[in-house]
Amino acid sequence: MPTQPRLVEVKTTLVPGTFFLGPDFILFENKQGPWAVSRKCTHLGCKINYREKEGFLECPCHQSRFTPEGAVIQGPAQKSLPRFKVEKLDNARGYIVTI
């Protein structure tokens, strides 16, 4: 049976170039708008971290690396990270991420 999407409210506003680290996703914002990627590595499911100074996402288990957009830079992961739909709320109230 398919699972229902879960809506997660992020009650902060990001400026371009910043991010929010949630338990299940990382939310980014740039001039084009917000996006979110899964924190679950596509190799074996370990939790991804954002290496802000280096500008990439990294899995602590086997060092797979991903761009902030979720594309694989370095394996062993072969698949990109899933992206989640992000809705920016009016009046700088935050975001709704659908996971």
N, C-alpha and C. Protein backbone atom coordinates (compact mmCIF):
# COMPACT_ATOMS: atom_id res chain seq x y z
N MET A 1 0.84 -1.17 0.00
CA MET A 1 0.00 0.00 0.00
C MET A 1 0.89 1.25 0.00
N PRO A 2 0.66 2.18 -0.93
CA PRO A 2 1.51 3.38 -0.99
C PRO A 2 1.32 4.24 0.27
N THR A 3 2.42 4.87 0.70
CA THR A 3 2.33 5.74 1.86
C THR A 3 1.85 7.12 1.44
N GLN A 4 1.18 7.77 2.37
CA GLN A 4 0.71 9.13 2.12
C GLN A 4 1.89 10.09 2.25
N PRO A 5 1.94 11.12 1.43
CA PRO A 5 3.00 12.12 1.59
C PRO A 5 2.88 12.79 2.96
N ARG A 6 4.02 13.15 3.50
CA ARG A 6 4.04 13.83 4.80
C ARG A 6 4.43 15.28 4.55
N LEU A 7 3.69 16.21 5.14
CA LEU A 7 3.99 17.63 5.01
C LEU A 7 4.74 18.09 6.25
N VAL A 8 5.90 18.69 6.03
CA VAL A 8 6.74 19.16 7.13
C VAL A 8 6.84 20.67 7.02
N GLU A 9 6.45 21.38 8.08
CA GLU A 9 6.56 22.83 8.08
C GLU A 9 7.90 23.24 8.66
N VAL A 10 8.60 24.10 7.94
CA VAL A 10 9.87 24.67 8.40
C VAL A 10 9.58 26.12 8.74
N LYS A 11 9.66 26.44 10.00
CA LYS A 11 9.27 27.78 10.45
C LYS A 11 10.47 28.71 10.54
N THR A 12 11.18 28.80 9.46
CA THR A 12 12.29 29.73 9.34
C THR A 12 12.36 30.19 7.90
N THR A 13 12.94 31.33 7.67
CA THR A 13 13.11 31.84 6.32
C THR A 13 14.59 31.84 6.00
N LEU A 14 14.92 31.29 4.85
CA LEU A 14 16.31 31.24 4.41
C LEU A 14 16.58 32.37 3.42
N VAL A 15 17.79 32.88 3.46
CA VAL A 15 18.23 33.83 2.43
C VAL A 15 19.03 33.03 1.42
N PRO A 16 19.12 33.50 0.18
CA PRO A 16 19.90 32.76 -0.82
C PRO A 16 21.31 32.43 -0.32
N GLY A 17 21.69 31.16 -0.54
CA GLY A 17 23.00 30.70 -0.11
C GLY A 17 23.00 30.02 1.25
N THR A 18 21.84 29.92 1.90
CA THR A 18 21.77 29.28 3.21
C THR A 18 20.99 27.98 3.13
N PHE A 19 20.95 27.23 4.23
CA PHE A 19 20.28 25.94 4.25
C PHE A 19 19.68 25.66 5.62
N PHE A 20 18.79 24.69 5.67
CA PHE A 20 18.18 24.20 6.91
C PHE A 20 18.37 22.69 6.93
N LEU A 21 18.91 22.18 8.02
CA LEU A 21 19.16 20.75 8.17
C LEU A 21 18.05 20.14 9.01
N GLY A 22 17.16 19.38 8.36
CA GLY A 22 16.10 18.69 9.06
C GLY A 22 16.47 17.24 9.28
N PRO A 23 15.67 16.49 10.03
CA PRO A 23 15.99 15.08 10.27
C PRO A 23 15.91 14.21 9.00
N ASP A 24 15.02 14.56 8.06
CA ASP A 24 14.81 13.74 6.87
C ASP A 24 15.26 14.40 5.57
N PHE A 25 15.56 15.68 5.60
CA PHE A 25 15.90 16.41 4.37
C PHE A 25 16.81 17.58 4.70
N ILE A 26 17.44 18.11 3.65
CA ILE A 26 18.19 19.37 3.75
C ILE A 26 17.52 20.34 2.78
N LEU A 27 17.13 21.48 3.29
CA LEU A 27 16.44 22.52 2.52
C LEU A 27 17.45 23.61 2.18
N PHE A 28 17.52 23.94 0.89
CA PHE A 28 18.42 24.97 0.41
C PHE A 28 17.60 26.09 -0.22
N GLU A 29 18.22 27.27 -0.30
CA GLU A 29 17.59 28.40 -0.98
C GLU A 29 18.67 29.10 -1.80
N ASN A 30 18.34 29.44 -3.05
CA ASN A 30 19.21 30.29 -3.86
C ASN A 30 18.34 31.30 -4.59
N LYS A 31 18.91 32.04 -5.53
CA LYS A 31 18.14 33.08 -6.24
C LYS A 31 16.97 32.50 -7.02
N GLN A 32 17.08 31.25 -7.46
CA GLN A 32 16.00 30.61 -8.21
C GLN A 32 14.88 30.09 -7.31
N GLY A 33 15.14 30.00 -6.02
CA GLY A 33 14.11 29.52 -5.09
C GLY A 33 14.60 28.38 -4.22
N PRO A 34 13.69 27.79 -3.42
CA PRO A 34 14.07 26.72 -2.50
C PRO A 34 13.96 25.34 -3.13
N TRP A 35 14.73 24.38 -2.59
CA TRP A 35 14.61 22.97 -2.94
C TRP A 35 15.07 22.15 -1.74
N ALA A 36 14.66 20.90 -1.71
CA ALA A 36 15.05 20.01 -0.62
C ALA A 36 15.46 18.66 -1.19
N VAL A 37 16.48 18.06 -0.57
CA VAL A 37 16.92 16.72 -0.93
C VAL A 37 16.88 15.83 0.30
N SER A 38 16.72 14.56 0.05
CA SER A 38 16.68 13.57 1.12
C SER A 38 18.02 13.47 1.83
N ARG A 39 17.98 13.15 3.12
CA ARG A 39 19.21 12.89 3.87
C ARG A 39 19.55 11.41 3.89
N LYS A 40 18.78 10.58 3.19
CA LYS A 40 19.02 9.14 3.17
C LYS A 40 19.87 8.78 1.96
N CYS A 41 21.08 8.28 2.22
CA CYS A 41 21.99 7.93 1.14
C CYS A 41 21.39 6.82 0.27
N THR A 42 21.56 6.95 -1.04
CA THR A 42 21.01 5.97 -1.97
C THR A 42 21.87 4.71 -2.05
N HIS A 43 22.99 4.67 -1.35
CA HIS A 43 23.84 3.48 -1.33
C HIS A 43 23.28 2.48 -0.32
N LEU A 44 23.36 2.80 0.97
CA LEU A 44 22.88 1.87 2.01
C LEU A 44 21.95 2.53 3.02
N GLY A 45 21.57 3.76 2.78
CA GLY A 45 20.56 4.40 3.64
C GLY A 45 21.08 5.15 4.84
N CYS A 46 22.37 5.39 4.93
CA CYS A 46 22.91 6.17 6.05
C CYS A 46 22.47 7.63 5.91
N LYS A 47 22.56 8.39 7.00
CA LYS A 47 22.11 9.78 7.01
C LYS A 47 23.20 10.71 6.49
N ILE A 48 22.86 11.45 5.44
CA ILE A 48 23.76 12.39 4.76
C ILE A 48 23.98 13.64 5.61
N ASN A 49 25.18 14.20 5.54
CA ASN A 49 25.49 15.47 6.18
C ASN A 49 25.92 16.47 5.11
N TYR A 50 25.75 17.76 5.42
CA TYR A 50 26.16 18.80 4.49
C TYR A 50 27.51 19.35 4.93
N ARG A 51 28.49 19.27 4.07
CA ARG A 51 29.82 19.83 4.33
C ARG A 51 29.82 21.23 3.75
N GLU A 52 29.35 22.17 4.54
CA GLU A 52 29.11 23.52 4.07
C GLU A 52 30.36 24.19 3.49
N LYS A 53 31.48 24.10 4.17
CA LYS A 53 32.72 24.75 3.68
C LYS A 53 33.15 24.19 2.34
N GLU A 54 32.96 22.88 2.13
CA GLU A 54 33.35 22.24 0.88
C GLU A 54 32.26 22.34 -0.18
N GLY A 55 31.01 22.57 0.25
CA GLY A 55 29.91 22.74 -0.69
C GLY A 55 29.32 21.45 -1.24
N PHE A 56 29.43 20.33 -0.50
CA PHE A 56 28.82 19.09 -0.95
C PHE A 56 28.19 18.33 0.22
N LEU A 57 27.36 17.37 -0.13
CA LEU A 57 26.73 16.47 0.84
C LEU A 57 27.57 15.21 0.89
N GLU A 58 27.73 14.64 2.10
CA GLU A 58 28.56 13.45 2.22
C GLU A 58 27.93 12.44 3.16
N CYS A 59 28.03 11.18 2.77
CA CYS A 59 27.56 10.08 3.60
C CYS A 59 28.71 9.66 4.52
N PRO A 60 28.47 9.61 5.84
CA PRO A 60 29.54 9.25 6.76
C PRO A 60 29.91 7.76 6.72
N CYS A 61 29.06 6.92 6.15
CA CYS A 61 29.32 5.47 6.16
C CYS A 61 30.37 5.05 5.13
N HIS A 62 30.21 5.49 3.88
CA HIS A 62 31.13 5.07 2.82
C HIS A 62 31.60 6.23 1.96
N GLN A 63 31.39 7.44 2.42
CA GLN A 63 31.87 8.68 1.79
C GLN A 63 31.33 8.95 0.39
N SER A 64 30.13 8.48 0.09
CA SER A 64 29.50 8.94 -1.15
C SER A 64 29.31 10.44 -1.03
N ARG A 65 29.47 11.14 -2.14
CA ARG A 65 29.31 12.60 -2.14
C ARG A 65 28.30 13.00 -3.20
N PHE A 66 27.56 14.07 -2.88
CA PHE A 66 26.49 14.57 -3.73
C PHE A 66 26.56 16.09 -3.80
N THR A 67 26.09 16.65 -4.91
CA THR A 67 25.94 18.10 -5.00
C THR A 67 24.78 18.52 -4.09
N PRO A 68 24.67 19.80 -3.77
CA PRO A 68 23.50 20.25 -3.00
C PRO A 68 22.17 19.97 -3.72
N GLU A 69 22.22 19.78 -5.05
CA GLU A 69 21.01 19.45 -5.80
C GLU A 69 20.72 17.94 -5.76
N GLY A 70 21.65 17.15 -5.19
CA GLY A 70 21.43 15.72 -5.02
C GLY A 70 22.13 14.82 -6.02
N ALA A 71 22.85 15.35 -7.00
CA ALA A 71 23.54 14.53 -8.00
C ALA A 71 24.78 13.87 -7.40
N VAL A 72 25.06 12.66 -7.82
CA VAL A 72 26.23 11.93 -7.33
C VAL A 72 27.51 12.57 -7.87
N ILE A 73 28.45 12.84 -6.97
CA ILE A 73 29.79 13.32 -7.34
C ILE A 73 30.77 12.16 -7.27
N GLN A 74 30.63 11.36 -6.21
CA GLN A 74 31.57 10.27 -5.94
C GLN A 74 30.81 9.12 -5.28
N GLY A 75 31.07 7.88 -5.73
CA GLY A 75 30.42 6.70 -5.19
C GLY A 75 31.01 6.24 -3.88
N PRO A 76 30.44 5.17 -3.36
CA PRO A 76 29.81 4.07 -4.08
C PRO A 76 28.35 4.28 -4.49
N ALA A 77 27.67 5.30 -4.01
CA ALA A 77 26.28 5.52 -4.43
C ALA A 77 26.22 5.70 -5.95
N GLN A 78 25.20 5.14 -6.58
CA GLN A 78 25.02 5.23 -8.03
C GLN A 78 23.86 6.15 -8.41
N LYS A 79 22.92 6.33 -7.49
CA LYS A 79 21.71 7.12 -7.78
C LYS A 79 21.75 8.46 -7.05
N SER A 80 21.16 9.46 -7.68
CA SER A 80 21.02 10.77 -7.06
C SER A 80 20.09 10.69 -5.86
N LEU A 81 20.21 11.68 -4.98
CA LEU A 81 19.31 11.76 -3.83
C LEU A 81 17.93 12.20 -4.30
N PRO A 82 16.87 11.65 -3.72
CA PRO A 82 15.53 12.13 -4.06
C PRO A 82 15.36 13.60 -3.68
N ARG A 83 14.62 14.30 -4.53
CA ARG A 83 14.27 15.71 -4.24
C ARG A 83 12.83 15.76 -3.79
N PHE A 84 12.55 16.68 -2.88
CA PHE A 84 11.21 16.85 -2.35
C PHE A 84 10.62 18.19 -2.79
N LYS A 85 9.32 18.19 -2.96
CA LYS A 85 8.60 19.41 -3.33
C LYS A 85 8.66 20.40 -2.15
N VAL A 86 8.93 21.67 -2.47
CA VAL A 86 9.00 22.72 -1.45
C VAL A 86 8.06 23.85 -1.85
N GLU A 87 7.24 24.25 -0.92
CA GLU A 87 6.36 25.41 -1.11
C GLU A 87 6.81 26.50 -0.16
N LYS A 88 7.09 27.68 -0.72
CA LYS A 88 7.49 28.83 0.10
C LYS A 88 6.22 29.52 0.57
N LEU A 89 6.08 29.70 1.88
CA LEU A 89 4.89 30.33 2.43
C LEU A 89 4.95 31.84 2.28
N ASP A 90 3.79 32.45 2.18
CA ASP A 90 3.70 33.91 2.04
C ASP A 90 4.18 34.62 3.30
N ASN A 91 4.55 35.86 3.15
CA ASN A 91 4.93 36.73 4.27
C ASN A 91 6.10 36.19 5.08
N ALA A 92 7.05 35.52 4.41
CA ALA A 92 8.27 35.03 5.06
C ALA A 92 7.98 34.16 6.28
N ARG A 93 6.94 33.33 6.17
CA ARG A 93 6.58 32.47 7.30
C ARG A 93 7.27 31.12 7.28
N GLY A 94 8.02 30.82 6.24
CA GLY A 94 8.73 29.56 6.17
C GLY A 94 8.39 28.76 4.93
N TYR A 95 8.39 27.42 5.07
CA TYR A 95 8.24 26.51 3.94
C TYR A 95 7.42 25.30 4.36
N ILE A 96 6.83 24.65 3.35
CA ILE A 96 6.21 23.33 3.53
C ILE A 96 6.98 22.39 2.59
N VAL A 97 7.56 21.34 3.18
CA VAL A 97 8.29 20.33 2.41
C VAL A 97 7.45 19.07 2.38
N THR A 98 7.17 18.55 1.19
CA THR A 98 6.39 17.32 1.02
C THR A 98 7.35 16.16 0.83
N ILE A 99 7.33 15.24 1.81
CA ILE A 99 8.22 14.07 1.72
C ILE A 99 7.41 12.79 1.72
